[in-house]
Amino acid sequence: MNKQQITKSIFCFAVFPVLTACTTNPSKQEIGTVSGAVVGGITGAALTGSTVGAVGGAAAGAYIGHRIGGELDRK
């Protein structure tokens, strides 16, 4: 396995317990945050090929997804 595959695997294993721990239906804001983090992390890793890029992409994606989901919850 290369470094990028290891990073993706660690990220997936870190997010999995958070997703399975929900006892109620998640809000659009919560879905947006998690979806944004996953897409941002994968995109950041693919564009930069580094762990820092993956983490930065995940953080940016989570922030953007959180904001978009919040707007959708208000409507």
C-alpha atoms as a PDB file:
ATOM      1  CA  MET A   1       0.000   0.000   0.000  1.00  0.00           C
ATOM      2  CA  ASN A   2       1.227   3.467  -0.763  1.00  0.00           C
ATOM      3  CA  LYS A   3       0.970   6.473   1.512  1.00  0.00           C
ATOM      4  CA  GLN A   4      -2.209   7.773  -0.121  1.00  0.00           C
ATOM      5  CA  GLN A   5      -4.059   4.481   0.314  1.00  0.00           C
ATOM      6  CA  ILE A   6      -3.015   4.310   3.959  1.00  0.00           C
ATOM      7  CA  THR A   7      -4.268   7.853   4.526  1.00  0.00           C
ATOM      8  CA  LYS A   8      -7.633   7.056   2.963  1.00  0.00           C
ATOM      9  CA  SER A   9      -7.966   3.878   5.023  1.00  0.00           C
ATOM     10  CA  ILE A  10      -7.192   5.673   8.276  1.00  0.00           C
ATOM     11  CA  PHE A  11      -9.681   8.410   7.422  1.00  0.00           C
ATOM     12  CA  CYS A  12     -12.440   5.885   6.647  1.00  0.00           C
ATOM     13  CA  PHE A  13     -11.839   3.985   9.869  1.00  0.00           C
ATOM     14  CA  ALA A  14     -11.897   7.239  11.830  1.00  0.00           C
ATOM     15  CA  VAL A  15     -15.198   8.394  10.310  1.00  0.00           C
ATOM     16  CA  PHE A  16     -17.009   5.028  10.464  1.00  0.00           C
ATOM     17  CA  PRO A  17     -17.713   5.042  14.250  1.00  0.00           C
ATOM     18  CA  VAL A  18     -19.055   8.574  14.031  1.00  0.00           C
ATOM     19  CA  LEU A  19     -21.511   7.585  11.320  1.00  0.00           C
ATOM     20  CA  THR A  20     -22.695   4.428  13.077  1.00  0.00           C
ATOM     21  CA  ALA A  21     -23.122   6.123  16.467  1.00  0.00           C
ATOM     22  CA  CYS A  22     -26.161   8.144  15.415  1.00  0.00           C
ATOM     23  CA  THR A  23     -29.351   7.077  17.174  1.00  0.00           C
ATOM     24  CA  THR A  24     -31.578   9.565  15.376  1.00  0.00           C
ATOM     25  CA  ASN A  25     -31.819  10.629  11.781  1.00  0.00           C
ATOM     26  CA  PRO A  26     -29.017  13.073  11.028  1.00  0.00           C
ATOM     27  CA  SER A  27     -29.837  16.616   9.971  1.00  0.00           C
ATOM     28  CA  LYS A  28     -28.853  17.952   6.586  1.00  0.00           C
ATOM     29  CA  GLN A  29     -26.140  19.954   8.309  1.00  0.00           C
ATOM     30  CA  GLU A  30     -24.611  16.821   9.827  1.00  0.00           C
ATOM     31  CA  ILE A  31     -24.812  14.965   6.529  1.00  0.00           C
ATOM     32  CA  GLY A  32     -23.242  17.913   4.751  1.00  0.00           C
ATOM     33  CA  THR A  33     -20.387  18.093   7.238  1.00  0.00           C
ATOM     34  CA  VAL A  34     -19.485  14.414   6.943  1.00  0.00           C
ATOM     35  CA  SER A  35     -19.973  14.279   3.181  1.00  0.00           C
ATOM     36  CA  GLY A  36     -17.912  17.410   2.706  1.00  0.00           C
ATOM     37  CA  ALA A  37     -15.117  16.028   4.878  1.00  0.00           C
ATOM     38  CA  VAL A  38     -14.982  12.771   2.940  1.00  0.00           C
ATOM     39  CA  VAL A  39     -15.052  14.399  -0.491  1.00  0.00           C
ATOM     40  CA  GLY A  40     -12.629  17.125   0.588  1.00  0.00           C
ATOM     41  CA  GLY A  41     -10.206  14.612   2.090  1.00  0.00           C
ATOM     42  CA  ILE A  42     -10.180  12.439  -1.002  1.00  0.00           C
ATOM     43  CA  THR A  43      -9.827  15.454  -3.274  1.00  0.00           C
ATOM     44  CA  GLY A  44      -7.067  16.980  -1.158  1.00  0.00           C
ATOM     45  CA  ALA A  45      -5.151  13.709  -1.111  1.00  0.00           C
ATOM     46  CA  ALA A  46      -5.543  13.244  -4.848  1.00  0.00           C
ATOM     47  CA  LEU A  47      -4.443  16.781  -5.711  1.00  0.00           C
ATOM     48  CA  THR A  48      -1.479  17.018  -3.365  1.00  0.00           C
ATOM     49  CA  GLY A  49      -0.533  13.398  -2.741  1.00  0.00           C
ATOM     50  CA  SER A  50       0.180  14.187   0.898  1.00  0.00           C
ATOM     51  CA  THR A  51      -1.393  13.681   4.285  1.00  0.00           C
ATOM     52  CA  VAL A  52      -1.415  17.426   4.889  1.00  0.00           C
ATOM     53  CA  GLY A  53      -3.415  17.897   1.687  1.00  0.00           C
ATOM     54  CA  ALA A  54      -5.886  15.221   2.755  1.00  0.00           C
ATOM     55  CA  VAL A  55      -6.379  16.777   6.195  1.00  0.00           C
ATOM     56  CA  GLY A  56      -6.646  20.280   4.757  1.00  0.00           C
ATOM     57  CA  GLY A  57      -9.127  19.130   2.140  1.00  0.00           C
ATOM     58  CA  ALA A  58     -11.189  17.316   4.763  1.00  0.00           C
ATOM     59  CA  ALA A  59     -11.290  20.404   6.971  1.00  0.00           C
ATOM     60  CA  ALA A  60     -12.272  22.682   4.106  1.00  0.00           C
ATOM     61  CA  GLY A  61     -14.866  20.197   2.844  1.00  0.00           C
ATOM     62  CA  ALA A  62     -16.367  19.777   6.307  1.00  0.00           C
ATOM     63  CA  TYR A  63     -16.654  23.531   6.737  1.00  0.00           C
ATOM     64  CA  ILE A  64     -18.296  24.047   3.343  1.00  0.00           C
ATOM     65  CA  GLY A  65     -20.616  21.056   3.807  1.00  0.00           C
ATOM     66  CA  HIS A  66     -21.575  22.294   7.264  1.00  0.00           C
ATOM     67  CA  ARG A  67     -22.504  25.715   5.896  1.00  0.00           C
ATOM     68  CA  ILE A  68     -24.487  24.320   2.942  1.00  0.00           C
ATOM     69  CA  GLY A  69     -26.294  21.788   5.148  1.00  0.00           C
ATOM     70  CA  GLY A  70     -27.191  24.516   7.619  1.00  0.00           C
ATOM     71  CA  GLU A  71     -28.756  26.580   4.829  1.00  0.00           C
ATOM     72  CA  LEU A  72     -30.734  23.551   3.637  1.00  0.00           C
ATOM     73  CA  ASP A  73     -31.998  22.889   7.184  1.00  0.00           C
ATOM     74  CA  ARG A  74     -33.293  26.453   7.454  1.00  0.00           C
ATOM     75  CA  LYS A  75     -35.397  26.145   4.279  1.00  0.00           C
END
